[in-house]
Amino acid sequence: MASFRQPTTTNTTDFWWCDPSSWAAWLSEAGSSDKKRRNAALLKLRKYHKTGLIMETNAGVLAAVPCSVCARPGALGRACWVETGVDEACAYCRQNNKSACTALEHAPQMPPPPPPPPPPPLSAAPMPTVDVEGLAVASALAAREVVERGLAASEARAAGLEVRVAELERRLQREVSNGDKVREAFGVFKEETRRRLAALDGGKGGKQ
């Protein structure tokens, strides 16, 4: 029968702690002629043997990536240990028959990013040509349009001034005409007044 190492921890809260009486009973049953009892005892011995090696000797190493069971909040800071060089379940998952342990001894190596694509050759991207003559024609047309707009605005202002001057001339003519009529009426009134005064003077002489 293969030799088994009993865990040496005396802390009963350690998950790999083994009661000495249980260990002795398993050793006894491992030599039993009853196949079922013998296999059950060997399974217990192998489990505690392996867990003890991982947790108490250099056969175990702290997992670079802890499993989801050891990393959960209820684990209370329990460290996740795995067997060195063996891609199998951690010690806790072995001891408690947890399947699909995700602990990893080494962090996975990410592949390097692909290199950037090379720049296109210069011949594949010809320099754009500039139509200098076309630009000059376009600039000249734009300048001509600006000048024409300025001339049109000036002509409109000049036409407005001409209309204003003509209106003022008509008003002045009306004022002059009205002044002539006033002078003419005043002359008639003056002549009529002179005749009346002469008549009054003639009347006074006849009475004397």
N, C-alpha and C. Protein backbone atom coordinates (compact mmCIF):
# COMPACT_ATOMS: atom_id res chain seq x y z
N MET A 1 0.85 -1.20 0.00
CA MET A 1 0.00 0.00 0.00
C MET A 1 0.88 1.24 0.00
N ALA A 2 0.49 2.22 -0.80
CA ALA A 2 1.26 3.45 -0.87
C ALA A 2 1.23 4.17 0.46
N SER A 3 2.30 4.92 0.74
CA SER A 3 2.37 5.70 1.99
C SER A 3 1.65 7.03 1.80
N PHE A 4 0.99 7.46 2.87
CA PHE A 4 0.26 8.72 2.84
C PHE A 4 0.76 9.63 3.94
N ARG A 5 0.78 10.94 3.64
CA ARG A 5 1.22 11.93 4.61
C ARG A 5 0.02 12.54 5.29
N GLN A 6 -0.03 12.49 6.60
CA GLN A 6 -1.12 13.09 7.35
C GLN A 6 -0.86 14.58 7.53
N PRO A 7 -1.86 15.48 7.28
CA PRO A 7 -1.66 16.91 7.52
C PRO A 7 -1.21 17.17 8.94
N THR A 8 -0.30 18.13 9.11
CA THR A 8 0.28 18.40 10.42
C THR A 8 -0.41 19.54 11.16
N THR A 9 -1.33 20.26 10.50
CA THR A 9 -1.98 21.39 11.17
C THR A 9 -2.79 20.91 12.36
N THR A 10 -2.76 21.70 13.44
CA THR A 10 -3.56 21.41 14.63
C THR A 10 -4.72 22.38 14.78
N ASN A 11 -4.83 23.31 13.80
CA ASN A 11 -5.92 24.28 13.83
C ASN A 11 -7.16 23.64 13.22
N THR A 12 -8.16 23.41 14.03
CA THR A 12 -9.36 22.70 13.56
C THR A 12 -10.17 23.54 12.57
N THR A 13 -9.86 24.85 12.46
CA THR A 13 -10.59 25.68 11.48
C THR A 13 -9.98 25.60 10.09
N ASP A 14 -8.77 25.00 9.98
CA ASP A 14 -8.18 24.81 8.65
C ASP A 14 -8.96 23.74 7.90
N PHE A 15 -9.30 24.04 6.64
CA PHE A 15 -10.15 23.11 5.90
C PHE A 15 -9.46 21.77 5.63
N TRP A 16 -8.12 21.72 5.74
CA TRP A 16 -7.40 20.46 5.50
C TRP A 16 -7.04 19.73 6.81
N TRP A 17 -7.55 20.26 7.96
CA TRP A 17 -7.27 19.59 9.24
C TRP A 17 -7.94 18.22 9.25
N CYS A 18 -7.24 17.23 9.78
CA CYS A 18 -7.76 15.86 9.84
C CYS A 18 -7.70 15.34 11.28
N ASP A 19 -8.79 14.81 11.73
CA ASP A 19 -8.85 14.24 13.08
C ASP A 19 -7.95 12.99 13.14
N PRO A 20 -7.03 12.93 14.07
CA PRO A 20 -6.10 11.78 14.14
C PRO A 20 -6.82 10.43 14.21
N SER A 21 -7.91 10.35 14.94
CA SER A 21 -8.63 9.08 15.03
C SER A 21 -9.22 8.67 13.69
N SER A 22 -9.70 9.67 12.93
CA SER A 22 -10.25 9.37 11.60
C SER A 22 -9.14 8.88 10.68
N TRP A 23 -7.98 9.54 10.77
CA TRP A 23 -6.85 9.13 9.94
C TRP A 23 -6.43 7.69 10.24
N ALA A 24 -6.39 7.34 11.52
CA ALA A 24 -6.02 5.98 11.91
C ALA A 24 -7.06 4.96 11.41
N ALA A 25 -8.33 5.34 11.47
CA ALA A 25 -9.37 4.42 11.01
C ALA A 25 -9.28 4.21 9.50
N TRP A 26 -8.95 5.27 8.76
CA TRP A 26 -8.84 5.12 7.30
C TRP A 26 -7.65 4.24 6.94
N LEU A 27 -6.57 4.40 7.68
CA LEU A 27 -5.41 3.55 7.43
C LEU A 27 -5.75 2.08 7.67
N SER A 28 -6.53 1.82 8.70
CA SER A 28 -6.92 0.44 8.99
C SER A 28 -7.83 -0.12 7.92
N GLU A 29 -8.80 0.70 7.49
CA GLU A 29 -9.76 0.22 6.50
C GLU A 29 -9.12 0.11 5.12
N ALA A 30 -8.01 0.85 4.87
CA ALA A 30 -7.34 0.76 3.57
C ALA A 30 -6.81 -0.64 3.31
N GLY A 31 -6.58 -1.44 4.39
CA GLY A 31 -6.12 -2.82 4.20
C GLY A 31 -7.23 -3.83 4.33
N SER A 32 -8.47 -3.36 4.34
CA SER A 32 -9.62 -4.26 4.50
C SER A 32 -9.82 -5.11 3.24
N SER A 33 -10.38 -6.28 3.44
CA SER A 33 -10.72 -7.14 2.30
C SER A 33 -12.00 -6.70 1.62
N ASP A 34 -12.76 -5.83 2.32
CA ASP A 34 -14.01 -5.30 1.73
C ASP A 34 -13.62 -4.21 0.73
N LYS A 35 -13.86 -4.46 -0.53
CA LYS A 35 -13.42 -3.53 -1.58
C LYS A 35 -14.06 -2.16 -1.43
N LYS A 36 -15.32 -2.13 -1.08
CA LYS A 36 -16.02 -0.86 -0.97
C LYS A 36 -15.46 -0.02 0.16
N ARG A 37 -15.24 -0.64 1.32
CA ARG A 37 -14.68 0.09 2.46
C ARG A 37 -13.24 0.50 2.17
N ARG A 38 -12.49 -0.38 1.53
CA ARG A 38 -11.10 -0.09 1.21
C ARG A 38 -11.00 1.11 0.26
N ASN A 39 -11.80 1.13 -0.78
CA ASN A 39 -11.75 2.23 -1.75
C ASN A 39 -12.17 3.56 -1.11
N ALA A 40 -13.17 3.52 -0.26
CA ALA A 40 -13.62 4.74 0.41
C ALA A 40 -12.52 5.29 1.32
N ALA A 41 -11.83 4.41 2.03
CA ALA A 41 -10.74 4.84 2.91
C ALA A 41 -9.57 5.39 2.11
N LEU A 42 -9.23 4.75 1.02
CA LEU A 42 -8.13 5.24 0.17
C LEU A 42 -8.46 6.61 -0.43
N LEU A 43 -9.72 6.82 -0.78
CA LEU A 43 -10.12 8.12 -1.33
C LEU A 43 -9.92 9.23 -0.29
N LYS A 44 -10.28 8.96 0.95
CA LYS A 44 -10.09 9.94 2.01
C LYS A 44 -8.60 10.20 2.25
N LEU A 45 -7.83 9.14 2.31
CA LEU A 45 -6.39 9.29 2.55
C LEU A 45 -5.72 10.10 1.45
N ARG A 46 -6.05 9.79 0.19
CA ARG A 46 -5.45 10.52 -0.94
C ARG A 46 -5.84 12.01 -0.89
N LYS A 47 -7.09 12.29 -0.56
CA LYS A 47 -7.55 13.68 -0.53
C LYS A 47 -6.79 14.49 0.51
N TYR A 48 -6.73 14.01 1.74
CA TYR A 48 -6.03 14.76 2.79
C TYR A 48 -4.53 14.77 2.56
N HIS A 49 -4.00 13.69 2.01
CA HIS A 49 -2.58 13.65 1.68
C HIS A 49 -2.23 14.76 0.69
N LYS A 50 -2.99 14.85 -0.39
CA LYS A 50 -2.70 15.86 -1.43
C LYS A 50 -2.94 17.27 -0.91
N THR A 51 -4.05 17.48 -0.19
CA THR A 51 -4.35 18.82 0.33
C THR A 51 -3.29 19.27 1.33
N GLY A 52 -2.86 18.36 2.18
CA GLY A 52 -1.81 18.70 3.14
C GLY A 52 -0.51 19.08 2.46
N LEU A 53 -0.13 18.34 1.41
CA LEU A 53 1.09 18.68 0.67
C LEU A 53 1.01 20.09 0.07
N ILE A 54 -0.13 20.40 -0.52
CA ILE A 54 -0.28 21.72 -1.17
C ILE A 54 -0.22 22.84 -0.14
N MET A 55 -0.88 22.66 1.00
CA MET A 55 -0.98 23.74 1.98
C MET A 55 0.22 23.82 2.93
N GLU A 56 0.99 22.73 3.07
CA GLU A 56 2.02 22.73 4.10
C GLU A 56 3.44 22.53 3.57
N THR A 57 3.60 22.27 2.28
CA THR A 57 4.94 22.03 1.74
C THR A 57 5.16 22.85 0.48
N ASN A 58 6.35 22.70 -0.08
CA ASN A 58 6.69 23.40 -1.31
C ASN A 58 5.97 22.84 -2.54
N ALA A 59 5.18 21.80 -2.32
CA ALA A 59 4.42 21.25 -3.43
C ALA A 59 3.28 22.18 -3.86
N GLY A 60 2.93 23.16 -3.01
CA GLY A 60 1.86 24.10 -3.32
C GLY A 60 2.38 25.50 -3.56
N VAL A 61 1.65 26.27 -4.35
CA VAL A 61 2.00 27.66 -4.66
C VAL A 61 0.72 28.48 -4.70
N LEU A 62 0.84 29.71 -4.30
CA LEU A 62 -0.32 30.61 -4.33
C LEU A 62 -0.74 30.86 -5.78
N ALA A 63 -2.02 30.67 -6.06
CA ALA A 63 -2.51 30.83 -7.43
C ALA A 63 -2.42 32.29 -7.87
N ALA A 64 -1.92 32.48 -9.07
CA ALA A 64 -1.88 33.85 -9.63
C ALA A 64 -3.28 34.36 -9.90
N VAL A 65 -4.17 33.46 -10.30
CA VAL A 65 -5.57 33.80 -10.54
C VAL A 65 -6.42 32.90 -9.65
N PRO A 66 -6.95 33.42 -8.53
CA PRO A 66 -7.74 32.57 -7.64
C PRO A 66 -9.04 32.15 -8.29
N CYS A 67 -9.56 31.02 -7.82
CA CYS A 67 -10.82 30.53 -8.36
C CYS A 67 -11.98 31.36 -7.81
N SER A 68 -13.14 31.22 -8.44
CA SER A 68 -14.31 31.99 -8.02
C SER A 68 -14.79 31.60 -6.64
N VAL A 69 -14.51 30.37 -6.21
CA VAL A 69 -14.93 29.93 -4.87
C VAL A 69 -14.09 30.61 -3.79
N CYS A 70 -12.78 30.64 -3.97
CA CYS A 70 -11.90 31.26 -2.99
C CYS A 70 -11.97 32.79 -3.03
N ALA A 71 -12.36 33.35 -4.15
CA ALA A 71 -12.41 34.81 -4.30
C ALA A 71 -13.73 35.41 -3.86
N ARG A 72 -14.74 34.60 -3.57
CA ARG A 72 -16.04 35.15 -3.20
C ARG A 72 -15.97 35.79 -1.82
N PRO A 73 -16.88 36.73 -1.52
CA PRO A 73 -16.83 37.43 -0.22
C PRO A 73 -16.91 36.49 0.97
N GLY A 74 -17.64 35.39 0.87
CA GLY A 74 -17.79 34.48 2.01
C GLY A 74 -16.54 33.69 2.33
N ALA A 75 -15.50 33.79 1.48
CA ALA A 75 -14.27 33.03 1.73
C ALA A 75 -13.45 33.64 2.86
N LEU A 76 -13.77 34.90 3.27
CA LEU A 76 -13.09 35.55 4.40
C LEU A 76 -11.58 35.61 4.20
N GLY A 77 -11.16 35.95 3.03
CA GLY A 77 -9.74 36.13 2.76
C GLY A 77 -8.94 34.85 2.63
N ARG A 78 -9.61 33.73 2.40
CA ARG A 78 -8.89 32.47 2.27
C ARG A 78 -8.02 32.49 1.02
N ALA A 79 -6.77 32.09 1.17
CA ALA A 79 -5.87 32.06 0.03
C ALA A 79 -6.18 30.86 -0.85
N CYS A 80 -5.95 31.04 -2.13
CA CYS A 80 -6.22 29.98 -3.11
C CYS A 80 -4.87 29.36 -3.50
N TRP A 81 -4.63 28.10 -3.10
CA TRP A 81 -3.37 27.42 -3.36
C TRP A 81 -3.58 26.27 -4.32
N VAL A 82 -2.62 26.11 -5.23
CA VAL A 82 -2.69 25.04 -6.23
C VAL A 82 -1.39 24.24 -6.18
N GLU A 83 -1.42 23.03 -6.74
CA GLU A 83 -0.23 22.20 -6.79
C GLU A 83 0.71 22.73 -7.87
N THR A 84 1.98 22.84 -7.54
CA THR A 84 2.96 23.41 -8.46
C THR A 84 3.07 22.54 -9.71
N GLY A 85 2.94 23.21 -10.87
CA GLY A 85 3.12 22.53 -12.14
C GLY A 85 2.00 21.60 -12.53
N VAL A 86 0.87 21.62 -11.81
CA VAL A 86 -0.26 20.73 -12.12
C VAL A 86 -1.49 21.58 -12.36
N ASP A 87 -2.07 21.48 -13.53
CA ASP A 87 -3.23 22.29 -13.89
C ASP A 87 -4.50 21.55 -13.44
N GLU A 88 -4.72 21.57 -12.13
CA GLU A 88 -5.88 20.91 -11.56
C GLU A 88 -6.55 21.85 -10.55
N ALA A 89 -7.53 21.34 -9.82
CA ALA A 89 -8.27 22.15 -8.87
C ALA A 89 -7.38 22.60 -7.72
N CYS A 90 -7.76 23.73 -7.10
CA CYS A 90 -7.01 24.21 -5.95
C CYS A 90 -7.26 23.29 -4.76
N ALA A 91 -6.51 23.52 -3.68
CA ALA A 91 -6.61 22.64 -2.51
C ALA A 91 -8.01 22.65 -1.90
N TYR A 92 -8.61 23.83 -1.81
CA TYR A 92 -9.95 23.91 -1.21
C TYR A 92 -10.98 23.18 -2.05
N CYS A 93 -10.93 23.39 -3.36
CA CYS A 93 -11.91 22.72 -4.22
C CYS A 93 -11.68 21.21 -4.23
N ARG A 94 -10.43 20.75 -4.13
CA ARG A 94 -10.14 19.31 -4.01
C ARG A 94 -10.79 18.75 -2.74
N GLN A 95 -10.54 19.46 -1.63
CA GLN A 95 -10.98 18.96 -0.33
C GLN A 95 -12.51 18.93 -0.23
N ASN A 96 -13.18 19.87 -0.89
CA ASN A 96 -14.63 19.99 -0.75
C ASN A 96 -15.39 19.54 -2.01
N ASN A 97 -14.68 18.84 -2.87
CA ASN A 97 -15.30 18.26 -4.07
C ASN A 97 -16.01 19.31 -4.92
N LYS A 98 -15.38 20.47 -5.08
CA LYS A 98 -15.94 21.53 -5.93
C LYS A 98 -15.49 21.28 -7.37
N SER A 99 -16.43 21.26 -8.26
CA SER A 99 -16.11 21.03 -9.67
C SER A 99 -15.87 22.36 -10.39
N ALA A 100 -15.24 22.26 -11.55
CA ALA A 100 -14.99 23.42 -12.43
C ALA A 100 -14.23 24.52 -11.70
N CYS A 101 -13.14 24.15 -11.01
CA CYS A 101 -12.29 25.15 -10.35
C CYS A 101 -11.57 25.97 -11.43
N THR A 102 -11.54 27.27 -11.23
CA THR A 102 -10.96 28.18 -12.24
C THR A 102 -9.61 28.74 -11.82
N ALA A 103 -8.99 28.20 -10.77
CA ALA A 103 -7.71 28.73 -10.30
C ALA A 103 -6.62 28.45 -11.32
N LEU A 104 -5.69 29.39 -11.45
CA LEU A 104 -4.57 29.26 -12.37
C LEU A 104 -3.27 29.56 -11.63
N GLU A 105 -2.26 28.70 -11.83
CA GLU A 105 -0.97 28.92 -11.19
C GLU A 105 -0.30 30.16 -11.75
N HIS A 106 -0.40 30.37 -13.05
CA HIS A 106 0.20 31.52 -13.70
C HIS A 106 -0.89 32.33 -14.40
N ALA A 107 -0.70 33.64 -14.42
CA ALA A 107 -1.63 34.50 -15.14
C ALA A 107 -1.53 34.22 -16.63
N PRO A 108 -2.65 34.20 -17.33
CA PRO A 108 -2.60 33.92 -18.78
C PRO A 108 -1.83 35.01 -19.52
N GLN A 109 -1.05 34.57 -20.46
CA GLN A 109 -0.25 35.50 -21.27
C GLN A 109 -1.09 35.99 -22.44
N MET A 110 -1.28 37.29 -22.49
CA MET A 110 -2.05 37.88 -23.59
C MET A 110 -1.16 37.98 -24.83
N PRO A 111 -1.70 37.61 -25.98
CA PRO A 111 -0.89 37.73 -27.20
C PRO A 111 -0.58 39.19 -27.50
N PRO A 112 0.58 39.47 -28.06
CA PRO A 112 0.90 40.86 -28.38
C PRO A 112 -0.04 41.40 -29.44
N PRO A 113 -0.30 42.70 -29.41
CA PRO A 113 -1.18 43.27 -30.42
C PRO A 113 -0.55 43.18 -31.81
N PRO A 114 -1.36 43.05 -32.83
CA PRO A 114 -0.81 42.96 -34.19
C PRO A 114 -0.13 44.27 -34.57
N PRO A 115 0.90 44.19 -35.38
CA PRO A 115 1.59 45.43 -35.79
C PRO A 115 0.68 46.27 -36.67
N PRO A 116 0.88 47.57 -36.66
CA PRO A 116 0.05 48.43 -37.51
C PRO A 116 0.34 48.18 -38.98
N PRO A 117 -0.64 48.40 -39.83
CA PRO A 117 -0.41 48.18 -41.26
C PRO A 117 0.60 49.18 -41.80
N PRO A 118 1.39 48.77 -42.76
CA PRO A 118 2.39 49.70 -43.32
C PRO A 118 1.70 50.83 -44.08
N PRO A 119 2.33 51.99 -44.13
CA PRO A 119 1.74 53.10 -44.87
C PRO A 119 1.74 52.80 -46.37
N PRO A 120 0.77 53.33 -47.09
CA PRO A 120 0.72 53.08 -48.54
C PRO A 120 1.91 53.73 -49.23
N PRO A 121 2.38 53.15 -50.31
CA PRO A 121 3.50 53.77 -51.05
C PRO A 121 3.11 55.13 -51.60
N LEU A 122 4.12 55.98 -51.76
CA LEU A 122 3.85 57.34 -52.23
C LEU A 122 3.23 57.35 -53.62
N SER A 123 3.61 56.39 -54.45
CA SER A 123 3.08 56.36 -55.81
C SER A 123 1.60 56.01 -55.82
N ALA A 124 1.13 55.33 -54.79
CA ALA A 124 -0.28 54.94 -54.76
C ALA A 124 -1.18 56.09 -54.38
N ALA A 125 -0.62 57.15 -53.83
CA ALA A 125 -1.42 58.30 -53.42
C ALA A 125 -0.87 59.54 -54.09
N PRO A 126 -1.23 59.81 -55.37
CA PRO A 126 -0.70 60.99 -56.07
C PRO A 126 -1.15 62.28 -55.41
N MET A 127 -0.29 63.27 -55.50
CA MET A 127 -0.61 64.58 -54.93
C MET A 127 -1.72 65.23 -55.75
N PRO A 128 -2.68 65.84 -55.11
CA PRO A 128 -3.76 66.49 -55.86
C PRO A 128 -3.23 67.69 -56.65
N THR A 129 -3.74 67.88 -57.87
CA THR A 129 -3.34 69.00 -58.70
C THR A 129 -4.22 70.21 -58.41
N VAL A 130 -3.63 71.39 -58.57
CA VAL A 130 -4.34 72.63 -58.30
C VAL A 130 -4.52 73.38 -59.62
N ASP A 131 -5.74 73.74 -59.96
CA ASP A 131 -6.05 74.48 -61.18
C ASP A 131 -5.83 75.96 -60.89
N VAL A 132 -4.60 76.43 -61.14
CA VAL A 132 -4.26 77.82 -60.82
C VAL A 132 -5.05 78.78 -61.70
N GLU A 133 -5.17 78.46 -62.99
CA GLU A 133 -5.90 79.34 -63.90
C GLU A 133 -7.37 79.43 -63.50
N GLY A 134 -7.94 78.28 -63.15
CA GLY A 134 -9.33 78.29 -62.72
C GLY A 134 -9.55 79.11 -61.47
N LEU A 135 -8.61 79.01 -60.52
CA LEU A 135 -8.72 79.81 -59.30
C LEU A 135 -8.63 81.30 -59.61
N ALA A 136 -7.74 81.67 -60.56
CA ALA A 136 -7.60 83.08 -60.91
C ALA A 136 -8.88 83.61 -61.55
N VAL A 137 -9.49 82.80 -62.44
CA VAL A 137 -10.73 83.22 -63.09
C VAL A 137 -11.84 83.38 -62.07
N ALA A 138 -11.92 82.45 -61.15
CA ALA A 138 -12.96 82.51 -60.13
C ALA A 138 -12.78 83.75 -59.25
N SER A 139 -11.52 84.06 -58.90
CA SER A 139 -11.27 85.24 -58.08
C SER A 139 -11.65 86.52 -58.83
N ALA A 140 -11.32 86.57 -60.15
CA ALA A 140 -11.66 87.75 -60.94
C ALA A 140 -13.17 87.92 -61.04
N LEU A 141 -13.90 86.84 -61.24
CA LEU A 141 -15.36 86.92 -61.33
C LEU A 141 -15.96 87.40 -60.02
N ALA A 142 -15.39 86.90 -58.91
CA ALA A 142 -15.90 87.32 -57.61
C ALA A 142 -15.65 88.81 -57.39
N ALA A 143 -14.45 89.29 -57.78
CA ALA A 143 -14.15 90.72 -57.62
C ALA A 143 -15.05 91.57 -58.50
N ARG A 144 -15.31 91.10 -59.72
CA ARG A 144 -16.20 91.85 -60.63
C ARG A 144 -17.60 91.95 -60.06
N GLU A 145 -18.05 90.86 -59.47
CA GLU A 145 -19.40 90.87 -58.89
C GLU A 145 -19.48 91.89 -57.75
N VAL A 146 -18.42 91.96 -56.92
CA VAL A 146 -18.40 92.92 -55.82
C VAL A 146 -18.45 94.35 -56.35
N VAL A 147 -17.65 94.62 -57.42
CA VAL A 147 -17.62 95.98 -58.00
C VAL A 147 -18.98 96.33 -58.59
N GLU A 148 -19.59 95.39 -59.30
CA GLU A 148 -20.90 95.66 -59.91
C GLU A 148 -21.95 95.94 -58.86
N ARG A 149 -21.89 95.21 -57.78
CA ARG A 149 -22.85 95.46 -56.70
C ARG A 149 -22.64 96.85 -56.11
N GLY A 150 -21.36 97.28 -55.97
CA GLY A 150 -21.08 98.61 -55.45
C GLY A 150 -21.58 99.70 -56.39
N LEU A 151 -21.37 99.49 -57.70
CA LEU A 151 -21.84 100.47 -58.67
C LEU A 151 -23.36 100.57 -58.67
N ALA A 152 -24.02 99.41 -58.59
CA ALA A 152 -25.48 99.42 -58.58
C ALA A 152 -26.00 100.16 -57.36
N ALA A 153 -25.34 99.96 -56.22
CA ALA A 153 -25.77 100.66 -55.02
C ALA A 153 -25.55 102.17 -55.15
N SER A 154 -24.41 102.56 -55.76
CA SER A 154 -24.13 103.98 -55.95
C SER A 154 -25.15 104.61 -56.89
N GLU A 155 -25.48 103.92 -57.98
CA GLU A 155 -26.47 104.44 -58.94
C GLU A 155 -27.83 104.60 -58.27
N ALA A 156 -28.17 103.64 -57.41
CA ALA A 156 -29.47 103.74 -56.73
C ALA A 156 -29.49 104.96 -55.81
N ARG A 157 -28.37 105.18 -55.09
CA ARG A 157 -28.32 106.35 -54.22
C ARG A 157 -28.37 107.65 -55.03
N ALA A 158 -27.67 107.67 -56.19
CA ALA A 158 -27.69 108.88 -57.03
C ALA A 158 -29.09 109.15 -57.56
N ALA A 159 -29.79 108.09 -57.98
CA ALA A 159 -31.16 108.27 -58.47
C ALA A 159 -32.06 108.81 -57.37
N GLY A 160 -31.86 108.32 -56.15
CA GLY A 160 -32.66 108.82 -55.03
C GLY A 160 -32.38 110.29 -54.78
N LEU A 161 -31.11 110.70 -54.90
CA LEU A 161 -30.78 112.11 -54.70
C LEU A 161 -31.40 112.99 -55.78
N GLU A 162 -31.40 112.50 -57.02
CA GLU A 162 -32.01 113.27 -58.11
C GLU A 162 -33.50 113.48 -57.86
N VAL A 163 -34.16 112.43 -57.40
CA VAL A 163 -35.59 112.56 -57.10
C VAL A 163 -35.81 113.58 -55.99
N ARG A 164 -34.94 113.55 -54.99
CA ARG A 164 -35.07 114.49 -53.87
C ARG A 164 -34.86 115.92 -54.33
N VAL A 165 -33.82 116.13 -55.18
CA VAL A 165 -33.56 117.49 -55.69
C VAL A 165 -34.73 118.01 -56.52
N ALA A 166 -35.30 117.15 -57.36
CA ALA A 166 -36.44 117.56 -58.19
C ALA A 166 -37.62 117.95 -57.32
N GLU A 167 -37.83 117.18 -56.25
CA GLU A 167 -38.94 117.49 -55.33
C GLU A 167 -38.71 118.83 -54.66
N LEU A 168 -37.46 119.09 -54.25
CA LEU A 168 -37.17 120.37 -53.62
C LEU A 168 -37.35 121.53 -54.60
N GLU A 169 -36.96 121.33 -55.87
CA GLU A 169 -37.14 122.38 -56.88
C GLU A 169 -38.62 122.69 -57.07
N ARG A 170 -39.47 121.65 -57.11
CA ARG A 170 -40.91 121.88 -57.28
C ARG A 170 -41.49 122.65 -56.08
N ARG A 171 -41.02 122.31 -54.91
CA ARG A 171 -41.52 123.01 -53.72
C ARG A 171 -41.09 124.47 -53.75
N LEU A 172 -39.82 124.72 -54.18
CA LEU A 172 -39.34 126.10 -54.25
C LEU A 172 -40.13 126.91 -55.26
N GLN A 173 -40.44 126.29 -56.40
CA GLN A 173 -41.24 126.98 -57.42
C GLN A 173 -42.63 127.33 -56.88
N ARG A 174 -43.20 126.38 -56.10
CA ARG A 174 -44.53 126.68 -55.54
C ARG A 174 -44.44 127.84 -54.55
N GLU A 175 -43.34 127.85 -53.77
CA GLU A 175 -43.19 128.94 -52.81
C GLU A 175 -43.00 130.28 -53.52
N VAL A 176 -42.22 130.28 -54.61
CA VAL A 176 -42.01 131.54 -55.36
C VAL A 176 -43.31 132.02 -55.99
N SER A 177 -44.06 131.08 -56.53
CA SER A 177 -45.33 131.44 -57.15
C SER A 177 -46.29 132.02 -56.12
N ASN A 178 -46.30 131.40 -54.96
CA ASN A 178 -47.17 131.92 -53.90
C ASN A 178 -46.72 133.31 -53.47
N GLY A 179 -45.41 133.56 -53.43
CA GLY A 179 -44.91 134.88 -53.06
C GLY A 179 -45.31 135.95 -54.08
N ASP A 180 -45.29 135.59 -55.36
CA ASP A 180 -45.72 136.55 -56.39
C ASP A 180 -47.17 136.90 -56.22
N LYS A 181 -47.97 135.93 -55.94
CA LYS A 181 -49.40 136.20 -55.76
C LYS A 181 -49.64 137.10 -54.55
N VAL A 182 -48.87 136.90 -53.50
CA VAL A 182 -49.03 137.75 -52.31
C VAL A 182 -48.64 139.19 -52.64
N ARG A 183 -47.52 139.34 -53.35
CA ARG A 183 -47.10 140.70 -53.70
C ARG A 183 -48.14 141.38 -54.61
N GLU A 184 -48.68 140.59 -55.53
CA GLU A 184 -49.69 141.17 -56.43
C GLU A 184 -50.92 141.59 -55.65
N ALA A 185 -51.36 140.76 -54.72
CA ALA A 185 -52.55 141.11 -53.92
C ALA A 185 -52.26 142.32 -53.05
N PHE A 186 -51.03 142.35 -52.49
CA PHE A 186 -50.67 143.48 -51.65
C PHE A 186 -50.65 144.78 -52.48
N GLY A 187 -50.18 144.72 -53.74
CA GLY A 187 -50.17 145.91 -54.59
C GLY A 187 -51.59 146.40 -54.89
N VAL A 188 -52.48 145.44 -55.15
CA VAL A 188 -53.88 145.82 -55.41
C VAL A 188 -54.48 146.48 -54.19
N PHE A 189 -54.21 145.87 -53.00
CA PHE A 189 -54.74 146.44 -51.76
C PHE A 189 -54.19 147.84 -51.51
N LYS A 190 -52.93 148.03 -51.82
CA LYS A 190 -52.29 149.32 -51.60
C LYS A 190 -52.90 150.39 -52.51
N GLU A 191 -53.12 150.00 -53.77
CA GLU A 191 -53.69 150.96 -54.72
C GLU A 191 -55.12 151.31 -54.34
N GLU A 192 -55.86 150.31 -53.89
CA GLU A 192 -57.26 150.56 -53.48
C GLU A 192 -57.29 151.47 -52.27
N THR A 193 -56.37 151.29 -51.36
CA THR A 193 -56.31 152.13 -50.15
C THR A 193 -55.96 153.57 -50.54
N ARG A 194 -55.07 153.73 -51.50
CA ARG A 194 -54.70 155.08 -51.92
C ARG A 194 -55.89 155.80 -52.54
N ARG A 195 -56.68 155.10 -53.33
CA ARG A 195 -57.86 155.71 -53.95
C ARG A 195 -58.87 156.12 -52.91
N ARG A 196 -59.05 155.29 -51.92
CA ARG A 196 -60.03 155.61 -50.87
C ARG A 196 -59.58 156.85 -50.07
N LEU A 197 -58.31 156.93 -49.77
CA LEU A 197 -57.82 158.09 -49.04
C LEU A 197 -57.98 159.36 -49.87
N ALA A 198 -57.71 159.25 -51.19
CA ALA A 198 -57.89 160.43 -52.05
C ALA A 198 -59.34 160.85 -52.10
N ALA A 199 -60.24 159.88 -52.10
CA ALA A 199 -61.67 160.20 -52.13
C ALA A 199 -62.09 160.88 -50.85
N LEU A 200 -61.56 160.41 -49.75
CA LEU A 200 -61.91 161.02 -48.46
C LEU A 200 -61.38 162.46 -48.40
N ASP A 201 -60.20 162.70 -48.93
CA ASP A 201 -59.67 164.05 -48.90
C ASP A 201 -60.52 164.97 -49.78
N GLY A 202 -61.01 164.51 -50.91
CA GLY A 202 -61.87 165.32 -51.78
C GLY A 202 -63.19 165.65 -51.13
N GLY A 203 -63.73 164.75 -50.38
CA GLY A 203 -64.99 164.98 -49.68
C GLY A 203 -64.86 166.05 -48.60
N LYS A 204 -63.75 166.07 -47.92
CA LYS A 204 -63.55 167.06 -46.87
C LYS A 204 -63.48 168.42 -47.48
N GLY A 205 -62.85 168.66 -48.66
CA GLY A 205 -62.75 169.98 -49.29
C GLY A 205 -64.11 170.51 -49.70
N GLY A 206 -65.05 169.72 -50.14
CA GLY A 206 -66.36 170.15 -50.59
C GLY A 206 -67.20 170.67 -49.45
N LYS A 207 -67.06 170.11 -48.26
CA LYS A 207 -67.81 170.54 -47.10
C LYS A 207 -67.35 171.90 -46.63
N GLN A 208 -66.13 172.24 -46.78
CA GLN A 208 -65.64 173.56 -46.32
C GLN A 208 -66.21 174.65 -47.22
